[in-house]
Amino acid sequence: MFTGSETTATVLIVLVALGILGWGFYRAKSFGKLGILAWLQSVVLMSPWLLFFGLFAAGIYLNLVSILFMLIASAGLYIFIGNKLRAAGQDAILRERVLKMVQESKPIEDTAEENGGETAAATPKEAKNAVTQEVVPIPDEDLKNIQGIFGIDTFFATESIPYQEGAIFKGNLRGEPAAVHSRLSASLHERLGDRYRLFLVENPEEKPVVIVLPSTNDPKPATLPQNILAGVLVVATIAASLETAGIFLGFDFFSNPSRFGEVLPISAGIWVILVTHELGHWFLARRHNIRLSFPFFIPSAQIGSFGAITRFESLLPNRTVLFDIALAGPAAGGIVSLLMLIVGLILSHEGSLFKVPSEFFQGSILVGTLARVVLGSSLQATLVDVHPLTIIGWLGLVVTAFNLMPAGMLDGGRIVQAIYGRQIARRATVATLVLLGIVSLVNPTNPLLLYWAIVILFLQRGLERPSLNEISEPDDARAALGLLALFLTVATLLPLTPGLAGRLGIGG
């Protein structure tokens, strides 16, 4: 049976989940059929997990066949609704184009009357050059060339505004964003070479605008002092990983450096996960022809390292590339960590190197559930013998989960920005920092979350710079992977309640 605190916690979780779904529906209904379909996709994707953990909290355990059936049914419904959403979106685009064609075909006098006497551009030649002439901080000849790339079949520019060393062009988007951006960029390169970059973004009113900036504003490679700092942080992280290994073995490494051979295997395991994470980023970045800076590792004596800060040294073509590179690191590091954990649990036996309290497995829903499946009734003992790979895998999952938090320029923040846009990413960053602060106050004995909140606040709270094409969104499959990654983050960091752990047979 539930205790009073567990019942309250369960009710609060249910209310929060219902509140989030209700808030999502409220926001979605203003977008009509498209919004409702997009909301249903999110509901269908998350329903199996909510149902699984809801039943789990109630003491009802589903078998593997039931879980697989729910996942397959959810995936099928998600794809079905996605097809409906794309079809509805195409219909909406066609209706909008027809409406614009009808409006553009009106006599000049009718259009002028509707606009209070002002005559609107009617011919293609006039429309192509319908850009308000304003003084902008770029040469007049360049400005005329830039104005010449717009047309009624791509982007109908109506106004130009000086912006930094370039200009912002307001107007109407006439076509699919990716195709329009490709055509405009090609035309700009044909006229002015590699001197300017064209960004297709949304303004605060969520209307498409074109921003043209000199290529001198491109991201700069890391300076020599920055590379030296990165090297120093590598050395500091190596030292921190050795100290972490010593802590798990029950001694202070720096007071006993002669025991280097004992801490080396655990420290090396931590570095395998860290390097795999960074290689995941590097591989996808190279695939998309994006340059990355050298990783700036963040040392931590408790877990070896919080991961690394990696800067983009190239402009990103679109949000899909941002998603791919951001997810690749946690996916690679997380898979290796999970494999280490599972292998470590399988290899664990009486007399293994580590003896950990059974409460150790209550610190994570994911780790506790896997340990219960592999180790079975041995988790009821006061101390549990585990293989070192179990500890290394657990540390790797924690580091991966920290980096998948939806905040700023963390991998999780970049994923949220890629899927949902900058406005949602900004709100998610604030919510994450507030949540970390609250949890740190409630549980002051564990300073890790407070340290990580400080790192995010001072180093990672800003968003990634906009992509060249900021309007086109990642496809449904990537959105599903992003939600799955965020879900696994919660499952890794959320602990089991004592009551649930007792029903699972974890602990005495």
Protein backbone atom coordinates (compact mmCIF):
# COMPACT_ATOMS: atom_id res chain seq x y z
CA MET A 1 0.00 0.00 0.00
CA PHE A 2 1.06 3.59 -0.54
CA THR A 3 2.26 5.70 2.36
CA GLY A 4 0.83 9.18 2.77
CA SER A 5 3.86 10.88 1.22
CA GLU A 6 3.89 8.49 -1.75
CA THR A 7 0.18 9.04 -2.38
CA THR A 8 0.68 12.81 -2.29
CA ALA A 9 3.68 12.57 -4.63
CA THR A 10 1.78 10.36 -7.07
CA VAL A 11 -1.23 12.70 -7.10
CA LEU A 12 1.03 15.71 -7.67
CA ILE A 13 2.80 13.99 -10.55
CA VAL A 14 -0.54 13.09 -12.15
CA LEU A 15 -1.82 16.66 -11.71
CA VAL A 16 1.38 18.11 -13.20
CA ALA A 17 1.14 15.70 -16.18
CA LEU A 18 -2.51 16.60 -16.75
CA GLY A 19 -1.67 20.28 -16.39
CA ILE A 20 1.06 20.02 -19.02
CA LEU A 21 -1.27 18.19 -21.40
CA GLY A 22 -4.02 20.76 -20.78
CA TRP A 23 -1.64 23.65 -21.32
CA GLY A 24 -0.42 22.02 -24.53
CA PHE A 25 -4.00 21.60 -25.78
CA TYR A 26 -4.82 25.22 -24.90
CA ARG A 27 -1.84 26.45 -26.95
CA ALA A 28 -2.50 23.99 -29.78
CA LYS A 29 -6.18 24.77 -30.37
CA SER A 30 -5.41 28.32 -31.49
CA PHE A 31 -3.62 26.80 -34.50
CA GLY A 32 -6.71 24.85 -35.55
CA LYS A 33 -6.47 21.36 -36.99
CA LEU A 34 -2.69 21.52 -37.42
CA GLY A 35 -2.19 22.42 -33.77
CA ILE A 36 -4.51 19.69 -32.50
CA LEU A 37 -2.79 17.05 -34.61
CA ALA A 38 0.64 18.15 -33.37
CA TRP A 39 -0.65 17.99 -29.77
CA LEU A 40 -2.05 14.49 -30.34
CA GLN A 41 1.36 13.37 -31.59
CA SER A 42 2.93 14.39 -28.29
CA VAL A 43 0.16 12.68 -26.31
CA VAL A 44 0.48 9.44 -28.30
CA LEU A 45 4.27 9.44 -27.97
CA MET A 46 4.30 9.91 -24.20
CA SER A 47 1.20 7.89 -23.26
CA PRO A 48 2.94 4.47 -23.03
CA TRP A 49 5.58 5.84 -20.68
CA LEU A 50 3.04 7.68 -18.54
CA LEU A 51 0.87 4.55 -18.38
CA PHE A 52 3.85 2.34 -17.55
CA PHE A 53 5.06 4.51 -14.67
CA GLY A 54 1.53 5.21 -13.50
CA LEU A 55 0.82 1.49 -13.18
CA PHE A 56 4.29 1.00 -11.75
CA ALA A 57 3.54 3.56 -9.03
CA ALA A 58 0.29 1.73 -8.29
CA GLY A 59 2.15 -1.55 -7.85
CA ILE A 60 1.02 -3.05 -11.18
CA TYR A 61 3.92 -4.42 -13.24
CA LEU A 62 3.51 -5.01 -16.97
CA ASN A 63 5.33 -7.86 -18.68
CA LEU A 64 7.66 -7.36 -21.64
CA VAL A 65 5.03 -8.34 -24.23
CA SER A 66 2.61 -5.69 -22.95
CA ILE A 67 5.31 -3.02 -22.99
CA LEU A 68 6.35 -3.88 -26.56
CA PHE A 69 2.71 -3.86 -27.67
CA MET A 70 2.22 -0.37 -26.22
CA LEU A 71 5.37 0.93 -27.88
CA ILE A 72 4.46 -0.53 -31.28
CA ALA A 73 0.91 0.83 -31.04
CA SER A 74 2.24 4.24 -30.00
CA ALA A 75 4.74 4.33 -32.88
CA GLY A 76 2.02 3.32 -35.36
CA LEU A 77 -0.37 6.02 -34.15
CA TYR A 78 2.46 8.59 -34.14
CA ILE A 79 3.29 7.86 -37.79
CA PHE A 80 -0.41 7.85 -38.76
CA ILE A 81 -1.04 11.23 -37.12
CA GLY A 82 2.21 12.54 -38.66
CA ASN A 83 0.94 11.66 -42.15
CA LYS A 84 -2.35 13.43 -41.37
CA LEU A 85 -0.43 16.44 -40.09
CA ARG A 86 1.72 16.70 -43.21
CA ALA A 87 -1.33 16.34 -45.47
CA ALA A 88 -3.21 19.03 -43.52
CA GLY A 89 -0.15 21.29 -43.64
CA GLN A 90 0.16 20.92 -47.40
CA ASP A 91 -3.54 21.72 -47.82
CA ALA A 92 -3.12 24.84 -45.70
CA ILE A 93 -0.11 25.98 -47.74
CA LEU A 94 -2.01 25.46 -51.01
CA ARG A 95 -5.02 27.42 -49.73
CA GLU A 96 -2.74 30.25 -48.60
CA ARG A 97 -0.99 30.38 -51.99
CA VAL A 98 -4.29 30.45 -53.85
CA LEU A 99 -5.57 33.26 -51.60
CA LYS A 100 -2.41 35.30 -52.19
CA MET A 101 -2.65 34.74 -55.96
CA VAL A 102 -6.24 35.99 -55.93
CA GLN A 103 -5.28 39.05 -53.89
CA GLU A 104 -2.33 39.82 -56.15
CA SER A 105 -4.51 39.55 -59.26
CA LYS A 106 -6.89 42.35 -58.10
CA PRO A 107 -6.87 45.61 -60.07
CA ILE A 108 -4.45 48.21 -58.78
CA GLU A 109 -7.32 50.57 -57.93
CA ASP A 110 -9.02 47.93 -55.71
CA THR A 111 -5.79 47.20 -53.86
CA ALA A 112 -5.11 50.88 -53.38
CA GLU A 113 -8.62 51.42 -52.00
CA GLU A 114 -8.17 48.60 -49.48
CA ASN A 115 -4.87 50.11 -48.34
CA GLY A 116 -6.34 53.57 -47.80
CA GLY A 117 -5.32 55.01 -51.15
CA GLU A 118 -1.78 53.63 -51.35
CA THR A 119 -0.98 51.80 -54.59
CA ALA A 120 0.50 48.29 -54.08
CA ALA A 121 3.06 46.63 -56.34
CA ALA A 122 1.27 44.57 -58.99
CA THR A 123 3.73 43.55 -61.66
CA PRO A 124 6.49 40.99 -61.09
CA LYS A 125 9.17 43.57 -61.91
CA GLU A 126 7.75 46.04 -59.38
CA ALA A 127 7.25 43.32 -56.77
CA LYS A 128 10.81 42.13 -57.19
CA ASN A 129 12.16 45.56 -56.26
CA ALA A 130 9.51 46.50 -53.67
CA VAL A 131 12.00 47.13 -50.88
CA THR A 132 11.87 50.33 -48.91
CA GLN A 133 15.01 52.29 -49.62
CA GLU A 134 16.64 53.10 -46.32
CA VAL A 135 20.15 53.95 -45.34
CA VAL A 136 21.85 50.71 -44.30
CA PRO A 137 25.45 50.21 -43.18
CA ILE A 138 26.47 48.31 -46.32
CA PRO A 139 27.52 49.71 -49.71
CA ASP A 140 24.65 50.86 -51.91
CA GLU A 141 25.76 48.61 -54.74
CA ASP A 142 25.73 45.58 -52.45
CA LEU A 143 22.31 46.54 -51.11
CA LYS A 144 20.90 46.75 -54.65
CA ASN A 145 22.33 43.35 -55.48
CA ILE A 146 20.80 41.89 -52.32
CA GLN A 147 17.43 43.46 -53.10
CA GLY A 148 17.58 41.87 -56.53
CA ILE A 149 17.57 38.31 -55.16
CA PHE A 150 13.98 38.59 -53.91
CA GLY A 151 10.98 37.74 -56.03
CA ILE A 152 7.29 36.96 -55.84
CA ASP A 153 8.01 33.23 -56.04
CA THR A 154 10.50 33.16 -53.13
CA PHE A 155 10.35 36.06 -50.66
CA PHE A 156 8.32 39.19 -51.43
CA ALA A 157 10.38 41.86 -49.63
CA THR A 158 8.47 44.96 -48.53
CA GLU A 159 10.82 46.75 -46.12
CA SER A 160 14.50 46.89 -45.19
CA ILE A 161 15.86 47.82 -41.78
CA PRO A 162 19.53 48.52 -40.92
CA TYR A 163 20.95 45.79 -38.69
CA GLN A 164 24.56 45.67 -37.51
CA GLU A 165 26.64 45.61 -40.72
CA GLY A 166 23.80 44.22 -42.80
CA ALA A 167 20.07 44.53 -43.12
CA ILE A 168 16.78 42.91 -42.16
CA PHE A 169 14.23 42.40 -44.92
CA LYS A 170 10.59 42.08 -43.96
CA GLY A 171 8.08 40.56 -46.33
CA ASN A 172 6.13 37.46 -47.20
CA LEU A 173 7.54 33.97 -47.62
CA ARG A 174 6.34 32.38 -50.88
CA GLY A 175 7.17 28.72 -50.67
CA GLU A 176 8.67 25.99 -48.54
CA PRO A 177 11.33 27.54 -46.22
CA ALA A 178 14.17 25.14 -47.09
CA ALA A 179 13.67 25.57 -50.85
CA VAL A 180 13.34 29.36 -50.56
CA HIS A 181 16.46 29.67 -48.44
CA SER A 182 18.43 27.52 -50.85
CA ARG A 183 17.39 29.62 -53.86
CA LEU A 184 18.02 32.95 -52.12
CA SER A 185 21.42 31.84 -50.81
CA ALA A 186 22.47 30.59 -54.25
CA SER A 187 21.38 33.87 -55.85
CA LEU A 188 23.21 35.90 -53.19
CA HIS A 189 26.40 33.88 -53.71
CA GLU A 190 26.12 34.30 -57.47
CA ARG A 191 25.89 38.09 -57.13
CA LEU A 192 28.25 38.81 -54.23
CA GLY A 193 30.33 35.67 -53.77
CA ASP A 194 31.16 34.61 -50.22
CA ARG A 195 30.97 38.09 -48.73
CA TYR A 196 27.50 37.78 -47.13
CA ARG A 197 25.38 35.20 -45.27
CA LEU A 198 21.62 34.94 -45.60
CA PHE A 199 19.53 33.94 -42.58
CA LEU A 200 15.84 32.98 -42.79
CA VAL A 201 14.40 33.42 -39.31
CA GLU A 202 11.20 34.39 -37.49
CA ASN A 203 10.77 37.80 -35.88
CA PRO A 204 9.14 38.23 -32.43
CA GLU A 205 5.74 38.20 -34.16
CA GLU A 206 6.62 34.75 -35.58
CA LYS A 207 6.69 36.07 -39.15
CA PRO A 208 9.50 35.08 -41.54
CA VAL A 209 12.20 37.69 -42.17
CA VAL A 210 15.48 37.59 -44.07
CA ILE A 211 18.67 38.84 -42.42
CA VAL A 212 21.79 39.42 -44.49
CA LEU A 213 25.09 39.87 -42.65
CA PRO A 214 28.73 40.02 -43.77
CA SER A 215 30.67 36.78 -43.59
CA THR A 216 33.08 38.56 -41.25
CA ASN A 217 30.50 37.86 -38.52
CA ASP A 218 30.92 34.07 -38.92
CA PRO A 219 32.02 32.16 -35.80
CA LYS A 220 35.75 32.50 -35.21
CA PRO A 221 38.12 29.59 -34.49
CA ALA A 222 39.34 29.21 -30.92
CA THR A 223 42.27 31.44 -30.03
CA LEU A 224 45.59 30.17 -28.71
CA PRO A 225 44.75 31.10 -25.09
CA GLN A 226 41.43 29.25 -25.43
CA ASN A 227 43.19 26.13 -26.72
CA ILE A 228 45.68 26.34 -23.85
CA LEU A 229 42.76 26.58 -21.41
CA ALA A 230 41.18 23.51 -23.02
CA GLY A 231 44.45 21.61 -22.52
CA VAL A 232 44.65 22.67 -18.87
CA LEU A 233 41.07 21.49 -18.33
CA VAL A 234 41.96 18.10 -19.83
CA VAL A 235 44.75 17.71 -17.27
CA ALA A 236 42.43 18.84 -14.47
CA THR A 237 39.74 16.39 -15.57
CA ILE A 238 42.23 13.52 -15.68
CA ALA A 239 43.23 14.38 -12.10
CA ALA A 240 39.58 14.61 -11.06
CA SER A 241 38.79 11.20 -12.60
CA LEU A 242 41.69 9.65 -10.67
CA GLU A 243 40.39 11.21 -7.46
CA THR A 244 36.88 9.93 -8.23
CA ALA A 245 38.22 6.42 -8.68
CA GLY A 246 40.08 6.71 -5.37
CA ILE A 247 36.92 7.82 -3.58
CA PHE A 248 35.03 4.77 -4.84
CA LEU A 249 37.93 2.55 -3.71
CA GLY A 250 37.90 4.15 -0.27
CA PHE A 251 41.03 6.30 -0.24
CA ASP A 252 42.37 9.68 -1.31
CA PHE A 253 44.45 9.22 -4.44
CA PHE A 254 46.49 12.41 -4.03
CA SER A 255 47.50 11.27 -0.55
CA ASN A 256 48.39 7.83 -1.94
CA PRO A 257 49.74 8.38 -5.49
CA SER A 258 51.60 5.08 -5.30
CA ARG A 259 48.23 3.32 -5.72
CA PHE A 260 47.92 4.68 -9.25
CA GLY A 261 47.49 1.18 -10.68
CA GLU A 262 44.33 0.66 -8.62
CA VAL A 263 42.55 3.80 -9.80
CA LEU A 264 43.67 3.64 -13.43
CA PRO A 265 41.04 1.13 -14.70
CA ILE A 266 38.10 3.11 -13.27
CA SER A 267 39.55 6.43 -14.44
CA ALA A 268 40.14 4.97 -17.91
CA GLY A 269 36.53 3.74 -18.01
CA ILE A 270 35.30 7.26 -17.25
CA TRP A 271 37.46 8.63 -20.05
CA VAL A 272 36.19 6.05 -22.51
CA ILE A 273 32.68 7.44 -21.95
CA LEU A 274 33.77 11.08 -22.15
CA VAL A 275 35.78 10.55 -25.34
CA THR A 276 32.97 8.50 -26.92
CA HIS A 277 30.57 11.35 -26.20
CA GLU A 278 32.82 13.88 -27.91
CA LEU A 279 33.50 11.55 -30.84
CA GLY A 280 29.74 11.32 -31.39
CA HIS A 281 29.58 15.10 -31.76
CA TRP A 282 32.67 15.17 -33.96
CA PHE A 283 31.47 12.41 -36.31
CA LEU A 284 28.09 14.05 -37.02
CA ALA A 285 29.69 17.49 -37.28
CA ARG A 286 32.14 16.20 -39.87
CA ARG A 287 29.29 14.51 -41.73
CA HIS A 288 27.50 17.88 -41.99
CA ASN A 289 30.76 19.77 -42.74
CA ILE A 290 30.60 21.72 -39.45
CA ARG A 291 33.72 22.70 -37.50
CA LEU A 292 33.77 22.19 -33.72
CA SER A 293 36.11 23.70 -31.18
CA PHE A 294 38.29 21.58 -28.94
CA PRO A 295 36.12 20.39 -26.01
CA PHE A 296 36.46 22.31 -22.74
CA PHE A 297 36.05 19.58 -20.10
CA ILE A 298 34.53 20.45 -16.73
CA PRO A 299 36.23 18.49 -13.92
CA SER A 300 34.30 17.14 -10.94
CA ALA A 301 35.82 15.23 -8.03
CA GLN A 302 32.48 13.48 -7.34
CA ILE A 303 31.89 11.96 -10.80
CA GLY A 304 35.12 12.70 -12.66
CA SER A 305 33.65 15.24 -15.05
CA PHE A 306 30.40 16.98 -15.90
CA GLY A 307 31.22 16.56 -19.58
CA ALA A 308 32.56 19.21 -21.93
CA ILE A 309 31.58 22.52 -23.50
CA THR A 310 32.00 22.43 -27.29
CA ARG A 311 31.53 25.49 -29.48
CA PHE A 312 30.39 25.56 -33.10
CA GLU A 313 33.00 27.21 -35.30
CA SER A 314 30.76 27.14 -38.37
CA LEU A 315 27.30 28.46 -39.11
CA LEU A 316 24.67 25.73 -38.99
CA PRO A 317 22.58 25.37 -42.16
CA ASN A 318 19.35 24.44 -40.32
CA ARG A 319 17.86 23.16 -37.07
CA THR A 320 18.06 19.53 -38.22
CA VAL A 321 21.86 19.74 -38.27
CA LEU A 322 21.79 21.30 -34.79
CA PHE A 323 19.66 18.40 -33.56
CA ASP A 324 21.85 15.71 -35.16
CA ILE A 325 25.10 17.05 -33.71
CA ALA A 326 23.58 17.74 -30.28
CA LEU A 327 22.04 14.27 -29.94
CA ALA A 328 25.00 12.33 -31.36
CA GLY A 329 27.22 12.91 -28.31
CA PRO A 330 24.73 11.84 -25.59
CA ALA A 331 23.56 8.94 -27.78
CA ALA A 332 27.10 7.58 -28.20
CA GLY A 333 28.14 8.17 -24.59
CA GLY A 334 24.80 6.98 -23.22
CA ILE A 335 24.82 3.73 -25.20
CA VAL A 336 28.37 2.93 -24.07
CA SER A 337 27.44 3.77 -20.47
CA LEU A 338 24.32 1.61 -20.61
CA LEU A 339 26.28 -1.32 -22.05
CA MET A 340 28.90 -0.94 -19.32
CA LEU A 341 26.19 -0.91 -16.67
CA ILE A 342 24.43 -4.00 -18.02
CA VAL A 343 27.70 -5.93 -18.51
CA GLY A 344 28.80 -4.88 -15.05
CA LEU A 345 25.56 -6.15 -13.52
CA ILE A 346 25.87 -9.44 -15.41
CA LEU A 347 29.48 -9.89 -14.24
CA SER A 348 28.65 -9.00 -10.63
CA HIS A 349 28.98 -11.90 -8.20
CA GLU A 350 29.73 -12.54 -4.58
CA GLY A 351 33.26 -11.33 -3.97
CA SER A 352 33.22 -8.62 -6.69
CA LEU A 353 35.51 -5.64 -6.15
CA PHE A 354 32.86 -3.21 -4.90
CA LYS A 355 30.39 -3.63 -2.08
CA VAL A 356 27.67 -0.98 -2.27
CA PRO A 357 24.62 -0.48 -0.04
CA SER A 358 21.42 -1.72 -1.63
CA GLU A 359 20.08 1.85 -1.30
CA PHE A 360 22.58 2.74 -4.04
CA PHE A 361 20.13 1.30 -6.58
CA GLN A 362 17.29 3.46 -5.29
CA GLY A 363 18.99 6.58 -6.64
CA SER A 364 17.73 6.05 -10.19
CA ILE A 365 14.60 4.53 -11.67
CA LEU A 366 16.55 3.32 -14.71
CA VAL A 367 19.51 1.86 -12.80
CA GLY A 368 17.30 0.35 -10.09
CA THR A 369 14.98 -1.31 -12.60
CA LEU A 370 17.86 -2.81 -14.60
CA ALA A 371 19.57 -4.00 -11.41
CA ARG A 372 16.36 -5.69 -10.25
CA VAL A 373 16.05 -7.53 -13.57
CA VAL A 374 19.68 -8.75 -13.57
CA LEU A 375 20.54 -9.16 -9.89
CA GLY A 376 17.13 -10.26 -8.62
CA SER A 377 16.76 -11.05 -4.93
CA SER A 378 20.40 -10.22 -4.14
CA LEU A 379 19.32 -6.57 -3.94
CA GLN A 380 17.52 -7.34 -0.67
CA ALA A 381 20.87 -7.73 1.11
CA THR A 382 22.33 -4.82 3.06
CA LEU A 383 25.46 -4.82 0.89
CA VAL A 384 25.56 -5.85 -2.76
CA ASP A 385 28.72 -7.00 -4.55
CA VAL A 386 29.04 -5.33 -7.96
CA HIS A 387 31.59 -5.33 -10.76
CA PRO A 388 33.49 -2.03 -11.37
CA LEU A 389 31.80 -1.63 -14.77
CA THR A 390 28.52 -1.14 -12.89
CA ILE A 391 29.92 1.96 -11.18
CA ILE A 392 31.52 3.29 -14.36
CA GLY A 393 28.32 2.77 -16.37
CA TRP A 394 26.26 4.50 -13.70
CA LEU A 395 28.65 7.49 -13.68
CA GLY A 396 28.44 7.67 -17.47
CA LEU A 397 24.64 7.68 -17.41
CA VAL A 398 24.65 10.49 -14.84
CA VAL A 399 27.05 12.60 -16.93
CA THR A 400 24.91 11.94 -20.03
CA ALA A 401 21.72 12.86 -18.18
CA PHE A 402 23.25 16.11 -16.90
CA ASN A 403 24.17 17.10 -20.45
CA LEU A 404 20.69 16.24 -21.72
CA MET A 405 19.01 18.70 -19.36
CA PRO A 406 16.95 21.12 -21.50
CA ALA A 407 18.93 24.26 -20.71
CA GLY A 408 20.96 26.76 -22.70
CA MET A 409 23.76 25.36 -24.83
CA LEU A 410 23.77 21.95 -23.15
CA ASP A 411 23.06 19.10 -25.53
CA GLY A 412 19.52 18.92 -24.16
CA GLY A 413 19.04 22.67 -24.59
CA ARG A 414 20.23 22.46 -28.19
CA ILE A 415 17.85 19.55 -28.81
CA VAL A 416 14.89 21.54 -27.44
CA GLN A 417 15.93 24.58 -29.50
CA ALA A 418 16.17 22.44 -32.63
CA ILE A 419 12.75 20.83 -32.16
CA TYR A 420 10.65 23.61 -30.60
CA GLY A 421 12.46 26.84 -31.44
CA ARG A 422 14.21 29.54 -29.47
CA GLN A 423 11.24 30.80 -27.46
CA ILE A 424 10.45 27.39 -25.94
CA ALA A 425 14.18 26.72 -25.42
CA ARG A 426 14.51 29.98 -23.47
CA ARG A 427 11.59 29.05 -21.21
CA ALA A 428 12.93 25.52 -20.73
CA THR A 429 16.28 26.97 -19.61
CA VAL A 430 14.63 29.12 -16.95
CA ALA A 431 12.44 26.22 -15.78
CA THR A 432 15.46 23.89 -15.55
CA LEU A 433 17.49 26.37 -13.49
CA VAL A 434 14.55 26.97 -11.14
CA LEU A 435 13.98 23.23 -10.73
CA LEU A 436 17.68 22.58 -10.04
CA GLY A 437 17.66 25.34 -7.44
CA ILE A 438 14.59 23.93 -5.69
CA VAL A 439 15.94 20.37 -5.65
CA SER A 440 19.29 21.60 -4.33
CA LEU A 441 17.53 23.36 -1.44
CA VAL A 442 15.38 20.32 -0.67
CA ASN A 443 18.36 17.94 -0.79
CA PRO A 444 21.41 19.93 0.39
CA THR A 445 23.38 16.74 1.15
CA ASN A 446 23.92 16.17 -2.59
CA PRO A 447 25.74 19.24 -4.02
CA LEU A 448 26.07 17.90 -7.58
CA LEU A 449 22.87 19.49 -8.86
CA LEU A 450 23.77 22.84 -7.28
CA TYR A 451 27.23 22.73 -8.89
CA TRP A 452 25.68 21.91 -12.26
CA ALA A 453 23.13 24.73 -11.91
CA ILE A 454 26.00 27.17 -11.29
CA VAL A 455 27.86 25.86 -14.36
CA ILE A 456 24.75 26.34 -16.52
CA LEU A 457 24.03 29.79 -15.07
CA PHE A 458 27.50 31.20 -15.71
CA LEU A 459 28.71 29.25 -18.75
CA GLN A 460 25.84 27.63 -20.66
CA ARG A 461 22.61 29.57 -20.09
CA GLY A 462 22.65 31.36 -23.48
CA LEU A 463 21.03 29.83 -26.55
CA GLU A 464 22.89 28.66 -29.64
CA ARG A 465 23.08 31.28 -32.41
CA PRO A 466 20.37 30.96 -35.09
CA SER A 467 20.87 28.62 -38.04
CA LEU A 468 20.96 29.96 -41.58
CA ASN A 469 17.48 28.47 -42.04
CA GLU A 470 15.87 28.80 -38.62
CA ILE A 471 12.30 28.16 -39.81
CA SER A 472 12.41 24.58 -41.11
CA GLU A 473 11.92 22.10 -38.25
CA PRO A 474 13.39 18.60 -37.77
CA ASP A 475 11.19 15.73 -38.94
CA ASP A 476 8.90 13.63 -36.74
CA ALA A 477 11.45 10.86 -36.20
CA ARG A 478 13.96 13.32 -34.76
CA ALA A 479 11.29 14.89 -32.57
CA ALA A 480 10.48 11.42 -31.21
CA LEU A 481 14.15 10.72 -30.51
CA GLY A 482 14.47 14.04 -28.72
CA LEU A 483 11.52 13.29 -26.45
CA LEU A 484 12.91 9.81 -25.77
CA ALA A 485 16.28 11.31 -24.78
CA LEU A 486 14.60 13.75 -22.39
CA PHE A 487 12.52 10.92 -20.93
CA LEU A 488 15.61 8.77 -20.30
CA THR A 489 17.22 11.77 -18.61
CA VAL A 490 14.35 11.92 -16.13
CA ALA A 491 14.43 8.13 -15.64
CA THR A 492 18.17 8.33 -14.87
CA LEU A 493 18.04 11.21 -12.40
CA LEU A 494 14.69 10.51 -10.71
CA PRO A 495 15.10 8.28 -7.63
CA LEU A 496 12.82 5.47 -6.54
CA THR A 497 10.69 6.17 -3.48
CA PRO A 498 11.33 3.84 -0.53
CA GLY A 499 7.89 2.27 -0.97
CA LEU A 500 8.42 1.51 -4.67
CA ALA A 501 11.91 0.20 -3.95
CA GLY A 502 10.48 -2.08 -1.29
CA ARG A 503 7.87 -3.50 -3.67
CA LEU A 504 10.62 -4.11 -6.22
CA GLY A 505 12.69 -5.89 -3.61
CA ILE A 506 15.47 -3.30 -3.51
CA GLY A 507 16.79 -2.89 0.01
CA GLY A 508 16.22 -4.77 3.23
